[in-house]
Amino acid sequence: MILLLSTVLTFAGLFALSLSMDRHHRKVFHRPISARARVLWRCGGWLGLGAALVASIALSGWAVGVLFWLGLVSLAGLAVILILAFR
């Protein structure tokens, strides 16, 4: 269950960080991003990545949890890139 939570939080965090960029936000929502929305998307993205790191460490301990989280970030980053490229 924690594995699924960590995966979803990593993907959501990276997707939120990508939506904080004007180019991706305009592509998804068809309007420019406001300054307030940019800050909220960035904060949400970093909170999601931080929560995923905590969940990964809780699942596997410090040594393996951080490496597991880095692998999740790589896979989630690839998924976000593919989703935004083919949107």
PDB file of N, CA and C in Angstrom:
ATOM      1  N   MET A   1       0.819  -1.191   0.000  1.00  0.00           N
ATOM      2  CA  MET A   1       0.000   0.000   0.000  1.00  0.00           C
ATOM      3  C   MET A   1       0.873   1.270   0.000  1.00  0.00           C
ATOM      4  N   ILE A   2       1.950   1.236   0.774  1.00  0.00           N
ATOM      5  CA  ILE A   2       2.849   2.392   0.812  1.00  0.00           C
ATOM      6  C   ILE A   2       3.564   2.541  -0.528  1.00  0.00           C
ATOM      7  N   LEU A   3       3.830   1.428  -1.199  1.00  0.00           N
ATOM      8  CA  LEU A   3       4.454   1.477  -2.518  1.00  0.00           C
ATOM      9  C   LEU A   3       3.566   2.236  -3.505  1.00  0.00           C
ATOM     10  N   LEU A   4       2.293   1.939  -3.508  1.00  0.00           N
ATOM     11  CA  LEU A   4       1.352   2.635  -4.384  1.00  0.00           C
ATOM     12  C   LEU A   4       1.253   4.109  -4.014  1.00  0.00           C
ATOM     13  N   LEU A   5       1.192   4.400  -2.733  1.00  0.00           N
ATOM     14  CA  LEU A   5       1.120   5.784  -2.267  1.00  0.00           C
ATOM     15  C   LEU A   5       2.353   6.567  -2.702  1.00  0.00           C
ATOM     16  N   SER A   6       3.508   5.991  -2.545  1.00  0.00           N
ATOM     17  CA  SER A   6       4.742   6.654  -2.931  1.00  0.00           C
ATOM     18  C   SER A   6       4.789   6.896  -4.439  1.00  0.00           C
ATOM     19  N   THR A   7       4.343   5.936  -5.216  1.00  0.00           N
ATOM     20  CA  THR A   7       4.324   6.088  -6.669  1.00  0.00           C
ATOM     21  C   THR A   7       3.367   7.192  -7.101  1.00  0.00           C
ATOM     22  N   VAL A   8       2.184   7.218  -6.543  1.00  0.00           N
ATOM     23  CA  VAL A   8       1.188   8.239  -6.894  1.00  0.00           C
ATOM     24  C   VAL A   8       1.659   9.625  -6.464  1.00  0.00           C
ATOM     25  N   LEU A   9       2.230   9.737  -5.277  1.00  0.00           N
ATOM     26  CA  LEU A   9       2.717  11.031  -4.810  1.00  0.00           C
ATOM     27  C   LEU A   9       3.873  11.547  -5.675  1.00  0.00           C
ATOM     28  N   THR A  10       4.747  10.658  -6.101  1.00  0.00           N
ATOM     29  CA  THR A  10       5.857  11.062  -6.963  1.00  0.00           C
ATOM     30  C   THR A  10       5.336  11.567  -8.303  1.00  0.00           C
ATOM     31  N   PHE A  11       4.426  10.821  -8.904  1.00  0.00           N
ATOM     32  CA  PHE A  11       3.862  11.238 -10.180  1.00  0.00           C
ATOM     33  C   PHE A  11       3.105  12.563 -10.044  1.00  0.00           C
ATOM     34  N   ALA A  12       2.291  12.679  -9.014  1.00  0.00           N
ATOM     35  CA  ALA A  12       1.522  13.913  -8.810  1.00  0.00           C
ATOM     36  C   ALA A  12       2.446  15.102  -8.555  1.00  0.00           C
ATOM     37  N   GLY A  13       3.496  14.884  -7.786  1.00  0.00           N
ATOM     38  CA  GLY A  13       4.436  15.965  -7.517  1.00  0.00           C
ATOM     39  C   GLY A  13       5.137  16.456  -8.767  1.00  0.00           C
ATOM     40  N   LEU A  14       5.604  15.534  -9.590  1.00  0.00           N
ATOM     41  CA  LEU A  14       6.273  15.939 -10.825  1.00  0.00           C
ATOM     42  C   LEU A  14       5.301  16.571 -11.814  1.00  0.00           C
ATOM     43  N   PHE A  15       4.082  16.076 -11.856  1.00  0.00           N
ATOM     44  CA  PHE A  15       3.090  16.664 -12.744  1.00  0.00           C
ATOM     45  C   PHE A  15       2.726  18.075 -12.289  1.00  0.00           C
ATOM     46  N   ALA A  16       2.617  18.275 -10.971  1.00  0.00           N
ATOM     47  CA  ALA A  16       2.345  19.616 -10.455  1.00  0.00           C
ATOM     48  C   ALA A  16       3.499  20.565 -10.749  1.00  0.00           C
ATOM     49  N   LEU A  17       4.720  20.093 -10.613  1.00  0.00           N
ATOM     50  CA  LEU A  17       5.872  20.939 -10.949  1.00  0.00           C
ATOM     51  C   LEU A  17       5.888  21.292 -12.435  1.00  0.00           C
ATOM     52  N   SER A  18       5.503  20.364 -13.273  1.00  0.00           N
ATOM     53  CA  SER A  18       5.463  20.683 -14.703  1.00  0.00           C
ATOM     54  C   SER A  18       4.347  21.676 -15.010  1.00  0.00           C
ATOM     55  N   LEU A  19       3.238  21.598 -14.284  1.00  0.00           N
ATOM     56  CA  LEU A  19       2.147  22.544 -14.511  1.00  0.00           C
ATOM     57  C   LEU A  19       2.465  23.935 -13.973  1.00  0.00           C
ATOM     58  N   SER A  20       3.501  24.074 -13.184  1.00  0.00           N
ATOM     59  CA  SER A  20       3.905  25.401 -12.723  1.00  0.00           C
ATOM     60  C   SER A  20       4.662  26.165 -13.811  1.00  0.00           C
ATOM     61  N   MET A  21       5.022  25.467 -14.881  1.00  0.00           N
ATOM     62  CA  MET A  21       5.680  26.121 -16.017  1.00  0.00           C
ATOM     63  C   MET A  21       4.611  26.629 -16.984  1.00  0.00           C
ATOM     64  N   ASP A  22       4.812  27.848 -17.495  1.00  0.00           N
ATOM     65  CA  ASP A  22       3.804  28.472 -18.349  1.00  0.00           C
ATOM     66  C   ASP A  22       3.499  27.628 -19.581  1.00  0.00           C
ATOM     67  N   ARG A  23       4.522  27.050 -20.184  1.00  0.00           N
ATOM     68  CA  ARG A  23       4.333  26.271 -21.413  1.00  0.00           C
ATOM     69  C   ARG A  23       3.397  25.078 -21.196  1.00  0.00           C
ATOM     70  N   HIS A  24       3.633  24.323 -20.141  1.00  0.00           N
ATOM     71  CA  HIS A  24       2.820  23.142 -19.878  1.00  0.00           C
ATOM     72  C   HIS A  24       1.444  23.516 -19.343  1.00  0.00           C
ATOM     73  N   HIS A  25       1.387  24.555 -18.533  1.00  0.00           N
ATOM     74  CA  HIS A  25       0.097  24.998 -17.999  1.00  0.00           C
ATOM     75  C   HIS A  25      -0.814  25.449 -19.139  1.00  0.00           C
ATOM     76  N   ARG A  26      -0.262  26.186 -20.081  1.00  0.00           N
ATOM     77  CA  ARG A  26      -1.042  26.652 -21.232  1.00  0.00           C
ATOM     78  C   ARG A  26      -1.488  25.472 -22.103  1.00  0.00           C
ATOM     79  N   LYS A  27      -0.650  24.470 -22.218  1.00  0.00           N
ATOM     80  CA  LYS A  27      -0.992  23.304 -23.028  1.00  0.00           C
ATOM     81  C   LYS A  27      -2.148  22.509 -22.420  1.00  0.00           C
ATOM     82  N   VAL A  28      -2.182  22.419 -21.093  1.00  0.00           N
ATOM     83  CA  VAL A  28      -3.221  21.636 -20.422  1.00  0.00           C
ATOM     84  C   VAL A  28      -4.497  22.456 -20.214  1.00  0.00           C
ATOM     85  N   PHE A  29      -4.368  23.705 -19.737  1.00  0.00           N
ATOM     86  CA  PHE A  29      -5.540  24.502 -19.368  1.00  0.00           C
ATOM     87  C   PHE A  29      -5.925  25.560 -20.401  1.00  0.00           C
ATOM     88  N   HIS A  30      -5.137  25.721 -21.450  1.00  0.00           N
ATOM     89  CA  HIS A  30      -5.414  26.664 -22.540  1.00  0.00           C
ATOM     90  C   HIS A  30      -5.515  28.117 -22.080  1.00  0.00           C
ATOM     91  N   ARG A  31      -4.767  28.470 -21.073  1.00  0.00           N
ATOM     92  CA  ARG A  31      -4.689  29.863 -20.605  1.00  0.00           C
ATOM     93  C   ARG A  31      -3.371  30.036 -19.866  1.00  0.00           C
ATOM     94  N   PRO A  32      -2.884  31.275 -19.795  1.00  0.00           N
ATOM     95  CA  PRO A  32      -1.613  31.500 -19.079  1.00  0.00           C
ATOM     96  C   PRO A  32      -1.794  31.300 -17.573  1.00  0.00           C
ATOM     97  N   ILE A  33      -0.691  31.043 -16.920  1.00  0.00           N
ATOM     98  CA  ILE A  33      -0.712  30.798 -15.474  1.00  0.00           C
ATOM     99  C   ILE A  33      -0.509  32.120 -14.736  1.00  0.00           C
ATOM    100  N   SER A  34      -1.243  32.285 -13.647  1.00  0.00           N
ATOM    101  CA  SER A  34      -1.061  33.475 -12.815  1.00  0.00           C
ATOM    102  C   SER A  34       0.107  33.245 -11.860  1.00  0.00           C
ATOM    103  N   ALA A  35       0.582  34.331 -11.278  1.00  0.00           N
ATOM    104  CA  ALA A  35       1.713  34.222 -10.349  1.00  0.00           C
ATOM    105  C   ALA A  35       1.334  33.406  -9.119  1.00  0.00           C
ATOM    106  N   ARG A  36       0.127  33.589  -8.634  1.00  0.00           N
ATOM    107  CA  ARG A  36      -0.322  32.844  -7.446  1.00  0.00           C
ATOM    108  C   ARG A  36      -0.445  31.351  -7.750  1.00  0.00           C
ATOM    109  N   ALA A  37      -1.011  31.041  -8.915  1.00  0.00           N
ATOM    110  CA  ALA A  37      -1.159  29.633  -9.293  1.00  0.00           C
ATOM    111  C   ALA A  37       0.199  28.976  -9.475  1.00  0.00           C
ATOM    112  N   ARG A  38       1.162  29.728 -10.009  1.00  0.00           N
ATOM    113  CA  ARG A  38       2.508  29.185 -10.198  1.00  0.00           C
ATOM    114  C   ARG A  38       3.117  28.772  -8.856  1.00  0.00           C
ATOM    115  N   VAL A  39       2.955  29.634  -7.851  1.00  0.00           N
ATOM    116  CA  VAL A  39       3.490  29.329  -6.520  1.00  0.00           C
ATOM    117  C   VAL A  39       2.767  28.129  -5.912  1.00  0.00           C
ATOM    118  N   LEU A  40       1.453  28.074  -6.072  1.00  0.00           N
ATOM    119  CA  LEU A  40       0.690  26.954  -5.518  1.00  0.00           C
ATOM    120  C   LEU A  40       1.061  25.627  -6.187  1.00  0.00           C
ATOM    121  N   TRP A  41       1.216  25.620  -7.518  1.00  0.00           N
ATOM    122  CA  TRP A  41       1.620  24.402  -8.208  1.00  0.00           C
ATOM    123  C   TRP A  41       3.008  23.955  -7.766  1.00  0.00           C
ATOM    124  N   ARG A  42       3.930  24.901  -7.629  1.00  0.00           N
ATOM    125  CA  ARG A  42       5.295  24.542  -7.197  1.00  0.00           C
ATOM    126  C   ARG A  42       5.299  23.992  -5.783  1.00  0.00           C
ATOM    127  N   CYS A  43       4.592  24.664  -4.879  1.00  0.00           N
ATOM    128  CA  CYS A  43       4.537  24.178  -3.485  1.00  0.00           C
ATOM    129  C   CYS A  43       3.902  22.795  -3.417  1.00  0.00           C
ATOM    130  N   GLY A  44       2.822  22.600  -4.154  1.00  0.00           N
ATOM    131  CA  GLY A  44       2.177  21.290  -4.181  1.00  0.00           C
ATOM    132  C   GLY A  44       3.074  20.213  -4.746  1.00  0.00           C
ATOM    133  N   GLY A  45       3.825  20.561  -5.771  1.00  0.00           N
ATOM    134  CA  GLY A  45       4.742  19.593  -6.368  1.00  0.00           C
ATOM    135  C   GLY A  45       5.848  19.180  -5.421  1.00  0.00           C
ATOM    136  N   TRP A  46       6.466  20.171  -4.770  1.00  0.00           N
ATOM    137  CA  TRP A  46       7.548  19.839  -3.828  1.00  0.00           C
ATOM    138  C   TRP A  46       7.016  19.110  -2.609  1.00  0.00           C
ATOM    139  N   LEU A  47       5.805  19.448  -2.159  1.00  0.00           N
ATOM    140  CA  LEU A  47       5.205  18.715  -1.035  1.00  0.00           C
ATOM    141  C   LEU A  47       4.923  17.265  -1.428  1.00  0.00           C
ATOM    142  N   GLY A  48       4.447  17.064  -2.643  1.00  0.00           N
ATOM    143  CA  GLY A  48       4.200  15.698  -3.113  1.00  0.00           C
ATOM    144  C   GLY A  48       5.476  14.875  -3.188  1.00  0.00           C
ATOM    145  N   LEU A  49       6.533  15.476  -3.712  1.00  0.00           N
ATOM    146  CA  LEU A  49       7.811  14.754  -3.784  1.00  0.00           C
ATOM    147  C   LEU A  49       8.378  14.477  -2.399  1.00  0.00           C
ATOM    148  N   GLY A  50       8.237  15.430  -1.494  1.00  0.00           N
ATOM    149  CA  GLY A  50       8.709  15.218  -0.125  1.00  0.00           C
ATOM    150  C   GLY A  50       7.924  14.128   0.584  1.00  0.00           C
ATOM    151  N   ALA A  51       6.605  14.127   0.395  1.00  0.00           N
ATOM    152  CA  ALA A  51       5.778  13.084   1.014  1.00  0.00           C
ATOM    153  C   ALA A  51       6.105  11.720   0.419  1.00  0.00           C
ATOM    154  N   ALA A  52       6.392  11.671  -0.870  1.00  0.00           N
ATOM    155  CA  ALA A  52       6.774  10.402  -1.493  1.00  0.00           C
ATOM    156  C   ALA A  52       8.106   9.907  -0.945  1.00  0.00           C
ATOM    157  N   LEU A  53       9.025  10.827  -0.691  1.00  0.00           N
ATOM    158  CA  LEU A  53      10.315  10.435  -0.103  1.00  0.00           C
ATOM    159  C   LEU A  53      10.109   9.859   1.299  1.00  0.00           C
ATOM    160  N   VAL A  54       9.272  10.504   2.081  1.00  0.00           N
ATOM    161  CA  VAL A  54       8.982  10.000   3.435  1.00  0.00           C
ATOM    162  C   VAL A  54       8.337   8.620   3.358  1.00  0.00           C
ATOM    163  N   ALA A  55       7.405   8.433   2.433  1.00  0.00           N
ATOM    164  CA  ALA A  55       6.748   7.131   2.286  1.00  0.00           C
ATOM    165  C   ALA A  55       7.746   6.061   1.837  1.00  0.00           C
ATOM    166  N   SER A  56       8.653   6.414   0.942  1.00  0.00           N
ATOM    167  CA  SER A  56       9.652   5.446   0.491  1.00  0.00           C
ATOM    168  C   SER A  56      10.603   5.058   1.612  1.00  0.00           C
ATOM    169  N   ILE A  57      10.981   6.024   2.418  1.00  0.00           N
ATOM    170  CA  ILE A  57      11.860   5.731   3.560  1.00  0.00           C
ATOM    171  C   ILE A  57      11.127   4.881   4.592  1.00  0.00           C
ATOM    172  N   ALA A  58       9.842   5.151   4.796  1.00  0.00           N
ATOM    173  CA  ALA A  58       9.054   4.338   5.731  1.00  0.00           C
ATOM    174  C   ALA A  58       8.916   2.909   5.222  1.00  0.00           C
ATOM    175  N   LEU A  59       8.886   2.737   3.910  1.00  0.00           N
ATOM    176  CA  LEU A  59       8.734   1.406   3.330  1.00  0.00           C
ATOM    177  C   LEU A  59      10.011   0.576   3.423  1.00  0.00           C
ATOM    178  N   SER A  60      11.167   1.218   3.139  1.00  0.00           N
ATOM    179  CA  SER A  60      12.398   0.434   2.983  1.00  0.00           C
ATOM    180  C   SER A  60      13.572   0.878   3.829  1.00  0.00           C
ATOM    181  N   GLY A  61      13.417   1.887   4.656  1.00  0.00           N
ATOM    182  CA  GLY A  61      14.537   2.383   5.440  1.00  0.00           C
ATOM    183  C   GLY A  61      15.313   3.437   4.667  1.00  0.00           C
ATOM    184  N   TRP A  62      16.288   4.061   5.334  1.00  0.00           N
ATOM    185  CA  TRP A  62      17.020   5.181   4.741  1.00  0.00           C
ATOM    186  C   TRP A  62      17.818   4.801   3.510  1.00  0.00           C
ATOM    187  N   ALA A  63      18.596   3.755   3.595  1.00  0.00           N
ATOM    188  CA  ALA A  63      19.527   3.422   2.504  1.00  0.00           C
ATOM    189  C   ALA A  63      18.785   3.028   1.232  1.00  0.00           C
ATOM    190  N   VAL A  64      17.856   2.130   1.341  1.00  0.00           N
ATOM    191  CA  VAL A  64      17.137   1.638   0.167  1.00  0.00           C
ATOM    192  C   VAL A  64      15.994   2.572  -0.203  1.00  0.00           C
ATOM    193  N   GLY A  65      15.384   3.223   0.768  1.00  0.00           N
ATOM    194  CA  GLY A  65      14.245   4.100   0.505  1.00  0.00           C
ATOM    195  C   GLY A  65      14.584   5.280  -0.386  1.00  0.00           C
ATOM    196  N   VAL A  66      15.735   5.889  -0.151  1.00  0.00           N
ATOM    197  CA  VAL A  66      16.145   7.028  -0.980  1.00  0.00           C
ATOM    198  C   VAL A  66      16.434   6.564  -2.403  1.00  0.00           C
ATOM    199  N   LEU A  67      17.091   5.437  -2.557  1.00  0.00           N
ATOM    200  CA  LEU A  67      17.355   4.907  -3.899  1.00  0.00           C
ATOM    201  C   LEU A  67      16.062   4.503  -4.600  1.00  0.00           C
ATOM    202  N   PHE A  68      15.148   3.920  -3.859  1.00  0.00           N
ATOM    203  CA  PHE A  68      13.850   3.552  -4.411  1.00  0.00           C
ATOM    204  C   PHE A  68      13.105   4.805  -4.881  1.00  0.00           C
ATOM    205  N   TRP A  69      13.150   5.860  -4.079  1.00  0.00           N
ATOM    206  CA  TRP A  69      12.489   7.127  -4.432  1.00  0.00           C
ATOM    207  C   TRP A  69      13.111   7.731  -5.691  1.00  0.00           C
ATOM    208  N   LEU A  70      14.435   7.683  -5.806  1.00  0.00           N
ATOM    209  CA  LEU A  70      15.095   8.205  -7.004  1.00  0.00           C
ATOM    210  C   LEU A  70      14.669   7.423  -8.251  1.00  0.00           C
ATOM    211  N   GLY A  71      14.503   6.139  -8.108  1.00  0.00           N
ATOM    212  CA  GLY A  71      14.000   5.342  -9.230  1.00  0.00           C
ATOM    213  C   GLY A  71      12.578   5.716  -9.593  1.00  0.00           C
ATOM    214  N   LEU A  72      11.755   5.948  -8.577  1.00  0.00           N
ATOM    215  CA  LEU A  72      10.381   6.384  -8.828  1.00  0.00           C
ATOM    216  C   LEU A  72      10.343   7.740  -9.506  1.00  0.00           C
ATOM    217  N   VAL A  73      11.214   8.650  -9.091  1.00  0.00           N
ATOM    218  CA  VAL A  73      11.271   9.972  -9.719  1.00  0.00           C
ATOM    219  C   VAL A  73      11.635   9.831 -11.193  1.00  0.00           C
ATOM    220  N   SER A  74      12.549   8.951 -11.507  1.00  0.00           N
ATOM    221  CA  SER A  74      12.939   8.735 -12.902  1.00  0.00           C
ATOM    222  C   SER A  74      11.775   8.191 -13.726  1.00  0.00           C
ATOM    223  N   LEU A  75      11.098   7.191 -13.206  1.00  0.00           N
ATOM    224  CA  LEU A  75       9.976   6.604 -13.945  1.00  0.00           C
ATOM    225  C   LEU A  75       8.801   7.567 -14.055  1.00  0.00           C
ATOM    226  N   ALA A  76       8.507   8.277 -12.970  1.00  0.00           N
ATOM    227  CA  ALA A  76       7.406   9.239 -13.020  1.00  0.00           C
ATOM    228  C   ALA A  76       7.737  10.399 -13.948  1.00  0.00           C
ATOM    229  N   GLY A  77       8.996  10.809 -13.969  1.00  0.00           N
ATOM    230  CA  GLY A  77       9.414  11.865 -14.889  1.00  0.00           C
ATOM    231  C   GLY A  77       9.210  11.440 -16.337  1.00  0.00           C
ATOM    232  N   LEU A  78       9.552  10.211 -16.657  1.00  0.00           N
ATOM    233  CA  LEU A  78       9.340   9.695 -18.004  1.00  0.00           C
ATOM    234  C   LEU A  78       7.848   9.671 -18.340  1.00  0.00           C
ATOM    235  N   ALA A  79       7.028   9.250 -17.384  1.00  0.00           N
ATOM    236  CA  ALA A  79       5.579   9.216 -17.617  1.00  0.00           C
ATOM    237  C   ALA A  79       5.025  10.616 -17.856  1.00  0.00           C
ATOM    238  N   VAL A  80       5.460  11.595 -17.071  1.00  0.00           N
ATOM    239  CA  VAL A  80       4.989  12.971 -17.245  1.00  0.00           C
ATOM    240  C   VAL A  80       5.428  13.505 -18.604  1.00  0.00           C
ATOM    241  N   ILE A  81       6.658  13.230 -18.996  1.00  0.00           N
ATOM    242  CA  ILE A  81       7.147  13.681 -20.298  1.00  0.00           C
ATOM    243  C   ILE A  81       6.309  13.084 -21.424  1.00  0.00           C
ATOM    244  N   LEU A  82       6.028  11.805 -21.343  1.00  0.00           N
ATOM    245  CA  LEU A  82       5.242  11.159 -22.397  1.00  0.00           C
ATOM    246  C   LEU A  82       3.808  11.681 -22.427  1.00  0.00           C
ATOM    247  N   ILE A  83       3.224  11.906 -21.276  1.00  0.00           N
ATOM    248  CA  ILE A  83       1.851  12.426 -21.236  1.00  0.00           C
ATOM    249  C   ILE A  83       1.794  13.821 -21.832  1.00  0.00           C
ATOM    250  N   LEU A  84       2.728  14.690 -21.459  1.00  0.00           N
ATOM    251  CA  LEU A  84       2.705  16.051 -21.976  1.00  0.00           C
ATOM    252  C   LEU A  84       3.106  16.114 -23.447  1.00  0.00           C
ATOM    253  N   ALA A  85       3.930  15.182 -23.901  1.00  0.00           N
ATOM    254  CA  ALA A  85       4.345  15.181 -25.300  1.00  0.00           C
ATOM    255  C   ALA A  85       3.215  14.762 -26.227  1.00  0.00           C
ATOM    256  N   PHE A  86       2.396  13.844 -25.785  1.00  0.00           N
ATOM    257  CA  PHE A  86       1.323  13.327 -26.632  1.00  0.00           C
ATOM    258  C   PHE A  86      -0.044  13.895 -26.285  1.00  0.00           C
ATOM    259  N   ARG A  87      -0.088  14.949 -25.512  1.00  0.00           N
ATOM    260  CA  ARG A  87      -1.362  15.601 -25.162  1.00  0.00           C
ATOM    261  C   ARG A  87      -1.815  16.418 -26.309  1.00  0.00           C
TER     262      ARG A  87
END
